[in-house]
């Protein structure tokens, strides 16, 4: 009841805010039409994480489609660029958006390494980043925001649950790149702090993106006498990992993961191999709140054969953040005024439940949920089991 009340109050405030914005727009329309703003989207539209980047793009575009292609009353010219598999392709793509397209804000970005590489370019140009996927720690956060999570939050939020449920040591494994270090490291740091034991001493990292055969690693897991496994993979690597795990000697060892292991289209590719995996995520399509019902209905109308993902949700929220910030940034929004307005936003009504930016990290203070892969009707789905923890700072 309390969550529903908070959402209702936030929605009411949002309606009043929107009404005020409409009144302002009507007053100004007689003198000049609102200027078109260029927003840059950077995401992995090719490569290992193509499915993630595509969902980020679709989530942002869905918000635009349901808001007359406007943010803060201004028509939006969305400039799209391909991040590829990481920083080497992300940097030139971002450079074009900044220097040639002259965007007033940038959103998207799948990889933590890409964020770290692109952030200095944006800081120099004073263009805000409203990122919509995991992000590592950065020294300069003055123009950097994320609507998804800090990459360490995922594992941190499930560590206590695994410590309570698993009677014995855990094997931690993930991909050898920045996102893998942060995702798995968030779990191992918190798990060890709670008194848990890692059977492999420290996390094992597999070469990225070259590892497609995980069976040798699963043999090591089986030989280690681990009582459970914690992992993070996404995209094509997640498909390979889950399908091979179900066929390996380690298949009877309980598998816990970051939600991205079974999120979106990868779950359909994994099929029954993914059944019973317990995973942690900041979103589940079956959350019972008004914002989520609206979001899911709009998503399914546009994508009838797909379930909305945390990637799509966070990108949808990035557009919502920009909508509110641009509306508050004055008649002629600039990158600087948009960034200042983001910093003054309070609670954001969202399909995941209300959240707000943490002052220390510029990322959401939000709830995390335990989900299990099982049949929901005829289809496999990530079904919510329980709340886990509220994380953010």
Protein backbone atom coordinates (compact mmCIF):
# COMPACT_ATOMS: atom_id res chain seq x y z
CA UNK A 1 0.00 0.00 0.00
CA UNK A 2 2.81 2.39 0.84
CA UNK A 3 4.52 1.83 -2.55
CA UNK A 4 1.19 2.33 -4.37
CA UNK A 5 0.58 5.54 -2.38
CA UNK A 6 4.02 6.87 -3.22
CA UNK A 7 3.52 6.15 -6.89
CA UNK A 8 0.09 7.79 -6.88
CA UNK A 9 1.43 10.88 -5.14
CA UNK A 10 4.34 11.12 -7.54
CA UNK A 11 2.02 10.69 -10.51
CA UNK A 12 -0.27 13.40 -9.21
CA UNK A 13 2.69 15.73 -8.79
CA UNK A 14 3.85 14.83 -12.27
CA UNK A 15 0.41 15.65 -13.71
CA UNK A 16 0.40 19.02 -11.99
CA UNK A 17 3.92 19.66 -13.25
CA UNK A 18 2.92 18.63 -16.76
CA UNK A 19 -0.15 20.87 -16.63
CA UNK A 20 2.01 23.80 -15.59
CA UNK A 21 4.40 22.99 -18.41
CA UNK A 22 1.52 22.94 -20.91
CA UNK A 23 0.33 26.31 -19.67
CA UNK A 24 3.83 27.73 -20.09
CA UNK A 25 4.05 26.27 -23.58
CA UNK A 26 0.70 27.80 -24.55
CA UNK A 27 1.87 31.18 -23.34
CA UNK A 28 5.05 30.99 -25.39
CA UNK A 29 3.57 29.50 -28.55
CA UNK A 30 2.30 32.83 -29.78
CA UNK A 31 5.82 34.26 -29.90
CA UNK A 32 7.94 31.33 -31.01
CA UNK A 33 7.76 27.58 -31.53
CA UNK A 34 9.89 25.40 -29.26
CA UNK A 35 13.29 24.70 -30.81
CA UNK A 36 14.27 21.21 -31.91
CA UNK A 37 16.93 19.62 -29.67
CA UNK A 38 19.47 17.02 -30.73
CA UNK A 39 19.89 14.14 -28.27
CA UNK A 40 22.61 11.55 -28.88
CA UNK A 41 22.06 7.84 -28.32
CA UNK A 42 25.15 5.61 -28.13
CA UNK A 43 24.63 1.86 -27.73
CA UNK A 44 25.91 -1.52 -28.86
CA UNK A 45 23.94 -2.07 -32.05
CA UNK A 46 26.46 -4.67 -33.24
CA UNK A 47 28.71 -7.13 -31.42
CA UNK A 48 28.36 -9.27 -28.31
CA UNK A 49 25.88 -6.97 -26.58
CA UNK A 50 23.75 -6.09 -29.59
CA UNK A 51 20.60 -7.33 -27.82
CA UNK A 52 21.29 -5.03 -24.86
CA UNK A 53 21.99 -2.00 -27.05
CA UNK A 54 18.89 -2.66 -29.14
CA UNK A 55 16.72 -2.76 -26.00
CA UNK A 56 18.24 0.50 -24.76
CA UNK A 57 17.41 2.13 -28.08
CA UNK A 58 13.89 0.70 -28.11
CA UNK A 59 13.17 1.89 -24.56
CA UNK A 60 14.20 5.46 -25.32
CA UNK A 61 12.27 5.47 -28.58
CA UNK A 62 9.18 4.12 -26.82
CA UNK A 63 9.12 7.09 -24.45
CA UNK A 64 9.45 9.47 -27.40
CA UNK A 65 6.68 7.66 -29.29
CA UNK A 66 4.31 7.96 -26.31
CA UNK A 67 5.17 11.65 -25.78
CA UNK A 68 4.66 13.06 -29.27
CA UNK A 69 8.42 12.84 -29.97
CA UNK A 70 9.01 15.67 -27.52
CA UNK A 71 11.01 16.09 -24.32
CA UNK A 72 10.27 19.06 -22.12
CA UNK A 73 8.04 20.48 -24.87
CA UNK A 74 10.82 20.45 -27.47
CA UNK A 75 10.78 18.28 -30.61
CA UNK A 76 13.67 15.80 -30.48
CA UNK A 77 16.08 14.87 -33.27
CA UNK A 78 17.56 11.60 -31.97
CA UNK A 79 21.05 10.99 -33.32
CA UNK A 80 22.03 7.30 -33.10
CA UNK A 81 25.55 5.84 -33.05
CA UNK A 82 26.98 2.35 -32.58
CA UNK A 83 29.09 1.68 -29.49
CA UNK A 84 30.16 -1.74 -30.78
CA UNK A 85 32.02 -3.97 -28.33
CA UNK A 86 33.66 -1.28 -26.25
CA UNK A 87 35.84 1.81 -25.97
CA UNK A 88 37.76 1.49 -29.30
CA UNK A 89 34.53 1.90 -31.26
CA UNK A 90 32.58 3.90 -28.66
CA UNK A 91 35.02 6.83 -28.57
CA UNK A 92 34.93 7.74 -32.29
CA UNK A 93 31.15 7.27 -32.33
CA UNK A 94 30.75 9.59 -29.34
CA UNK A 95 33.15 12.10 -30.89
CA UNK A 96 30.92 12.36 -33.95
CA UNK A 97 27.84 12.91 -31.82
CA UNK A 98 29.60 15.65 -29.87
CA UNK A 99 31.49 17.50 -32.60
CA UNK A 100 29.47 16.89 -35.77
CA UNK A 101 25.93 16.40 -34.53
CA UNK A 102 26.33 18.86 -31.64
CA UNK A 103 23.98 17.04 -29.28
CA UNK A 104 22.85 18.75 -26.07
CA UNK A 105 22.88 15.48 -24.09
CA UNK A 106 23.97 11.87 -24.56
CA UNK A 107 22.21 8.71 -23.40
CA UNK A 108 22.61 4.92 -23.67
CA UNK A 109 26.05 3.22 -23.46
CA UNK A 110 26.17 -0.49 -22.64
CA UNK A 111 29.71 -1.08 -21.42
CA UNK A 112 31.32 0.30 -18.29
CA UNK A 113 34.62 0.61 -20.15
CA UNK A 114 32.87 2.64 -22.82
CA UNK A 115 31.47 4.99 -20.16
CA UNK A 116 34.92 5.50 -18.65
CA UNK A 117 36.41 6.26 -22.08
CA UNK A 118 33.64 8.57 -23.29
CA UNK A 119 33.10 10.54 -20.06
CA UNK A 120 36.21 12.78 -20.46
CA UNK A 121 35.09 13.78 -23.96
CA UNK A 122 31.69 14.77 -22.63
CA UNK A 123 33.22 16.64 -19.68
CA UNK A 124 35.41 18.68 -22.02
CA UNK A 125 32.38 19.57 -24.15
CA UNK A 126 30.21 20.16 -21.04
CA UNK A 127 27.57 17.75 -22.38
CA UNK A 128 25.67 15.70 -19.78
CA UNK A 129 25.50 11.92 -19.93
CA UNK A 130 22.21 10.36 -18.86
CA UNK A 131 23.46 6.80 -19.13
CA UNK A 132 21.04 3.88 -19.09
CA UNK A 133 23.18 0.86 -18.25
CA UNK A 134 25.72 -0.13 -15.59
CA UNK A 135 28.50 2.31 -14.76
CA UNK A 136 31.82 2.06 -12.93
CA UNK A 137 33.11 4.56 -10.38
CA UNK A 138 34.35 7.78 -12.00
CA UNK A 139 36.32 10.65 -10.49
CA UNK A 140 34.32 13.43 -12.14
CA UNK A 141 30.56 13.01 -11.81
CA UNK A 142 29.62 16.63 -12.42
CA UNK A 143 27.94 15.83 -15.74
CA UNK A 144 27.45 12.06 -15.42
CA UNK A 145 24.20 10.40 -14.38
CA UNK A 146 22.84 6.90 -14.80
CA UNK A 147 19.24 5.71 -14.62
CA UNK A 148 20.18 2.05 -14.21
CA UNK A 149 22.71 1.20 -11.48
CA UNK A 150 26.29 1.25 -10.38
CA UNK A 151 27.81 -1.94 -11.71
CA UNK A 152 28.70 -3.14 -8.21
CA UNK A 153 25.13 -2.75 -6.88
CA UNK A 154 23.76 -5.91 -8.50
CA UNK A 155 25.97 -8.43 -6.73
CA UNK A 156 26.01 -6.43 -3.53
CA UNK A 157 22.22 -6.64 -3.24
CA UNK A 158 22.07 -10.46 -3.40
CA UNK A 159 25.14 -11.27 -1.27
CA UNK A 160 23.22 -11.52 2.02
CA UNK A 161 20.59 -13.80 0.48
CA UNK A 162 23.21 -16.20 -0.87
CA UNK A 163 25.10 -16.14 2.44
CA UNK A 164 21.89 -17.11 4.24
CA UNK A 165 20.78 -19.80 1.78
CA UNK A 166 24.02 -21.56 0.79
CA UNK A 167 25.66 -23.89 3.27
CA UNK A 168 29.25 -23.78 2.07
CA UNK A 169 31.68 -22.00 -0.25
CA UNK A 170 30.65 -20.24 -3.49
CA UNK A 171 32.48 -20.13 -6.84
CA UNK A 172 32.43 -16.68 -8.50
CA UNK A 173 33.02 -16.34 -12.25
CA UNK A 174 32.54 -13.64 -14.89
CA UNK A 175 33.97 -12.01 -18.04
CA UNK A 176 37.39 -10.37 -18.14
CA UNK A 177 36.51 -6.70 -18.68
CA UNK A 178 35.43 -3.68 -16.62
CA UNK A 179 31.75 -4.62 -16.38
CA UNK A 180 32.65 -8.16 -15.31
CA UNK A 181 35.07 -6.93 -12.65
CA UNK A 182 32.45 -4.58 -11.20
CA UNK A 183 29.47 -6.93 -11.41
CA UNK A 184 31.22 -9.94 -9.89
CA UNK A 185 33.33 -7.77 -7.61
CA UNK A 186 30.24 -6.19 -6.08
CA UNK A 187 29.15 -9.65 -4.99
CA UNK A 188 32.51 -10.99 -3.80
CA UNK A 189 33.37 -7.88 -1.78
CA UNK A 190 30.03 -7.89 0.05
CA UNK A 191 29.91 -11.68 0.41
CA UNK A 192 33.36 -11.83 2.00
CA UNK A 193 32.47 -8.90 4.26
CA UNK A 194 29.48 -10.90 5.49
CA UNK A 195 31.72 -13.86 6.35
CA UNK A 196 31.15 -15.92 3.20
CA UNK A 197 33.84 -18.07 1.59
CA UNK A 198 34.91 -18.19 -2.06
CA UNK A 199 36.05 -21.68 -2.99
CA UNK A 200 38.26 -20.22 -5.73
CA UNK A 201 39.79 -17.66 -3.36
CA UNK A 202 39.00 -14.80 -5.72
CA UNK A 203 36.74 -14.55 -8.74
CA UNK A 204 37.70 -16.34 -11.96
CA UNK A 205 37.51 -14.20 -15.11
CA UNK A 206 37.14 -15.65 -18.60
CA UNK A 207 38.68 -13.94 -21.68
CA UNK A 208 36.22 -11.51 -23.29
CA UNK A 209 34.76 -11.60 -25.89
CA UNK A 210 36.66 -14.65 -27.12
CA UNK A 211 35.39 -17.27 -24.67
CA UNK A 212 32.64 -19.37 -26.25
CA UNK A 213 33.53 -22.73 -24.66
CA UNK A 214 32.91 -22.63 -20.91
CA UNK A 215 33.14 -26.38 -20.28
CA UNK A 216 36.75 -26.30 -18.98
CA UNK A 217 35.68 -23.73 -16.39
CA UNK A 218 32.68 -25.84 -15.39
CA UNK A 219 34.98 -28.82 -14.84
CA UNK A 220 37.01 -26.65 -12.45
CA UNK A 221 33.81 -25.63 -10.65
CA UNK A 222 32.75 -29.27 -10.24
CA UNK A 223 36.17 -30.26 -8.91
CA UNK A 224 36.18 -27.37 -6.43
CA UNK A 225 33.27 -28.80 -4.37
CA UNK A 226 31.50 -25.44 -4.52
CA UNK A 227 28.01 -25.42 -3.02
CA UNK A 228 26.80 -22.66 -5.37
CA UNK A 229 27.97 -20.48 -8.25
CA UNK A 230 27.54 -16.73 -8.67
CA UNK A 231 28.05 -15.22 -12.12
CA UNK A 232 27.48 -12.32 -14.48
CA UNK A 233 27.27 -12.61 -18.25
CA UNK A 234 25.01 -10.94 -20.79
CA UNK A 235 24.22 -11.10 -24.48
CA UNK A 236 25.60 -13.98 -26.55
CA UNK A 237 28.03 -14.97 -23.79
CA UNK A 238 25.07 -15.52 -21.46
CA UNK A 239 23.45 -17.88 -23.94
CA UNK A 240 26.63 -19.95 -24.28
CA UNK A 241 27.21 -20.00 -20.52
CA UNK A 242 23.70 -21.15 -19.55
CA UNK A 243 23.25 -23.78 -22.27
CA UNK A 244 26.66 -25.31 -21.58
CA UNK A 245 26.18 -25.16 -17.79
CA UNK A 246 23.02 -27.27 -18.11
CA UNK A 247 25.01 -29.93 -20.01
CA UNK A 248 28.09 -29.90 -17.79
CA UNK A 249 29.24 -31.85 -14.75
CA UNK A 250 28.41 -28.77 -12.67
CA UNK A 251 24.73 -28.70 -13.65
CA UNK A 252 23.50 -29.82 -10.22
CA UNK A 253 25.29 -26.98 -8.42
CA UNK A 254 22.79 -24.13 -7.77
CA UNK A 255 23.40 -21.17 -10.07
CA UNK A 256 22.82 -17.59 -8.89
CA UNK A 257 23.41 -14.64 -11.17
CA UNK A 258 23.00 -11.01 -12.02
CA UNK A 259 19.66 -10.70 -13.79
CA UNK A 260 21.32 -9.97 -17.13
CA UNK A 261 22.25 -13.65 -17.48
CA UNK A 262 18.63 -14.48 -18.34
CA UNK A 263 17.27 -11.09 -19.39
CA UNK A 264 15.31 -10.43 -22.56
CA UNK A 265 15.87 -12.29 -25.79
CA UNK A 266 18.73 -14.38 -24.35
CA UNK A 267 16.21 -16.27 -22.18
CA UNK A 268 14.31 -17.46 -25.22
CA UNK A 269 17.56 -18.66 -26.79
CA UNK A 270 18.55 -20.46 -23.58
CA UNK A 271 15.20 -22.24 -23.29
CA UNK A 272 14.80 -24.91 -20.60
CA UNK A 273 18.53 -24.74 -19.80
CA UNK A 274 17.79 -21.57 -17.83
CA UNK A 275 15.03 -23.05 -15.66
CA UNK A 276 15.30 -22.41 -11.90
CA UNK A 277 18.20 -19.96 -12.14
CA UNK A 278 17.82 -17.40 -9.33
CA UNK A 279 18.88 -13.92 -10.35
CA UNK A 280 18.84 -10.37 -9.06
CA UNK A 281 17.57 -7.35 -10.97
CA UNK A 282 16.24 -3.83 -10.38
CA UNK A 283 13.16 -4.57 -12.50
CA UNK A 284 10.64 -7.29 -13.22
CA UNK A 285 7.82 -6.99 -15.77
CA UNK A 286 5.32 -8.36 -13.24
CA UNK A 287 5.80 -5.53 -10.71
CA UNK A 288 2.40 -4.24 -9.62
CA UNK A 289 2.40 -0.47 -9.97
CA UNK A 290 0.65 1.96 -12.29
CA UNK A 291 3.79 3.15 -14.09
CA UNK A 292 4.76 -0.43 -14.88
CA UNK A 293 1.31 -1.30 -16.16
CA UNK A 294 1.44 1.68 -18.55
CA UNK A 295 4.98 0.83 -19.63
CA UNK A 296 4.31 -2.86 -20.24
CA UNK A 297 1.12 -2.13 -22.19
CA UNK A 298 2.90 0.40 -24.43
CA UNK A 299 5.85 -1.95 -24.92
CA UNK A 300 3.70 -4.93 -25.90
CA UNK A 301 1.70 -2.84 -28.32
CA UNK A 302 4.93 -1.94 -30.11
CA UNK A 303 6.77 -5.25 -29.50
CA UNK A 304 4.04 -7.92 -29.21
CA UNK A 305 6.49 -10.83 -29.21
CA UNK A 306 8.92 -9.47 -26.61
CA UNK A 307 8.88 -8.88 -22.85
CA UNK A 308 10.22 -5.52 -21.62
CA UNK A 309 13.64 -5.74 -20.03
CA UNK A 310 15.54 -3.80 -17.41
CA UNK A 311 17.57 -2.29 -20.27
CA UNK A 312 14.46 -0.95 -22.00
CA UNK A 313 13.04 0.27 -18.69
CA UNK A 314 16.20 2.17 -17.70
CA UNK A 315 16.40 3.82 -21.13
CA UNK A 316 12.71 4.72 -20.95
CA UNK A 317 13.51 6.34 -17.60
CA UNK A 318 16.48 8.18 -19.12
CA UNK A 319 14.04 9.80 -21.53
CA UNK A 320 11.73 10.60 -18.59
CA UNK A 321 14.63 12.26 -16.76
CA UNK A 322 15.50 14.34 -19.81
CA UNK A 323 11.82 15.23 -20.27
CA UNK A 324 11.64 16.70 -16.79
CA UNK A 325 15.08 18.32 -16.91
CA UNK A 326 14.56 19.98 -20.30
CA UNK A 327 11.20 21.32 -19.15
CA UNK A 328 12.91 22.87 -16.14
CA UNK A 329 15.93 24.20 -18.08
CA UNK A 330 14.30 27.34 -19.47
CA UNK A 331 13.02 28.42 -22.87
CA UNK A 332 16.34 27.76 -24.61
CA UNK A 333 17.88 24.70 -22.93
CA UNK A 334 21.65 24.30 -23.09
CA UNK A 335 23.75 21.32 -22.04
CA UNK A 336 24.70 23.20 -18.88
CA UNK A 337 21.15 24.14 -17.91
CA UNK A 338 19.89 20.60 -18.63
CA UNK A 339 22.62 19.12 -16.43
CA UNK A 340 21.83 21.56 -13.61
CA UNK A 341 18.15 20.65 -13.84
CA UNK A 342 18.89 16.92 -13.62
CA UNK A 343 20.69 17.56 -10.35
CA UNK A 344 17.55 19.15 -8.88
CA UNK A 345 15.10 16.38 -9.78
CA UNK A 346 13.50 14.56 -6.88
CA UNK A 347 11.72 11.21 -7.07
CA UNK A 348 11.18 9.75 -10.52
CA UNK A 349 7.98 7.71 -11.03
CA UNK A 350 9.15 4.55 -12.80
CA UNK A 351 8.05 1.06 -13.86
CA UNK A 352 10.54 -0.32 -11.30
CA UNK A 353 8.98 1.75 -8.49
CA UNK A 354 9.89 5.29 -7.43
CA UNK A 355 13.60 6.11 -7.31
CA UNK A 356 15.88 9.12 -7.12
CA UNK A 357 19.50 9.94 -7.92
CA UNK A 358 21.92 9.36 -5.05
CA UNK A 359 24.01 12.47 -4.28
CA UNK A 360 27.26 10.52 -4.01
CA UNK A 361 27.03 8.34 -7.12
CA UNK A 362 24.50 10.09 -9.40
CA UNK A 363 22.86 6.67 -9.80
CA UNK A 364 19.51 5.38 -8.51
CA UNK A 365 18.69 4.68 -4.91
CA UNK A 366 16.35 1.79 -5.67
CA UNK A 367 15.02 -1.62 -4.73
CA UNK A 368 16.49 -4.84 -6.07
CA UNK A 369 14.42 -7.97 -6.61
CA UNK A 370 15.06 -11.70 -6.53
CA UNK A 371 13.66 -13.46 -9.61
CA UNK A 372 13.51 -17.10 -10.69
CA UNK A 373 13.35 -18.45 -14.22
CA UNK A 374 10.22 -20.56 -14.52
CA UNK A 375 7.15 -20.98 -16.66
CA UNK A 376 4.68 -18.11 -16.61
CA UNK A 377 1.84 -19.66 -18.53
CA UNK A 378 3.42 -21.28 -21.56
CA UNK A 379 6.48 -19.05 -21.72
CA UNK A 380 9.65 -18.96 -19.65
CA UNK A 381 10.00 -15.77 -17.65
CA UNK A 382 11.95 -14.13 -14.85
CA UNK A 383 9.26 -14.27 -12.16
CA UNK A 384 9.69 -12.07 -9.10
CA UNK A 385 10.18 -14.00 -5.85
CA UNK A 386 10.82 -11.26 -3.27
CA UNK A 387 12.36 -7.89 -2.53
CA UNK A 388 16.05 -8.14 -1.64
CA UNK A 389 17.51 -4.78 -0.66
CA UNK A 390 17.45 -1.06 -1.33
CA UNK A 391 20.88 -0.01 -2.58
CA UNK A 392 22.32 3.35 -3.61
CA UNK A 393 24.11 6.36 -2.22
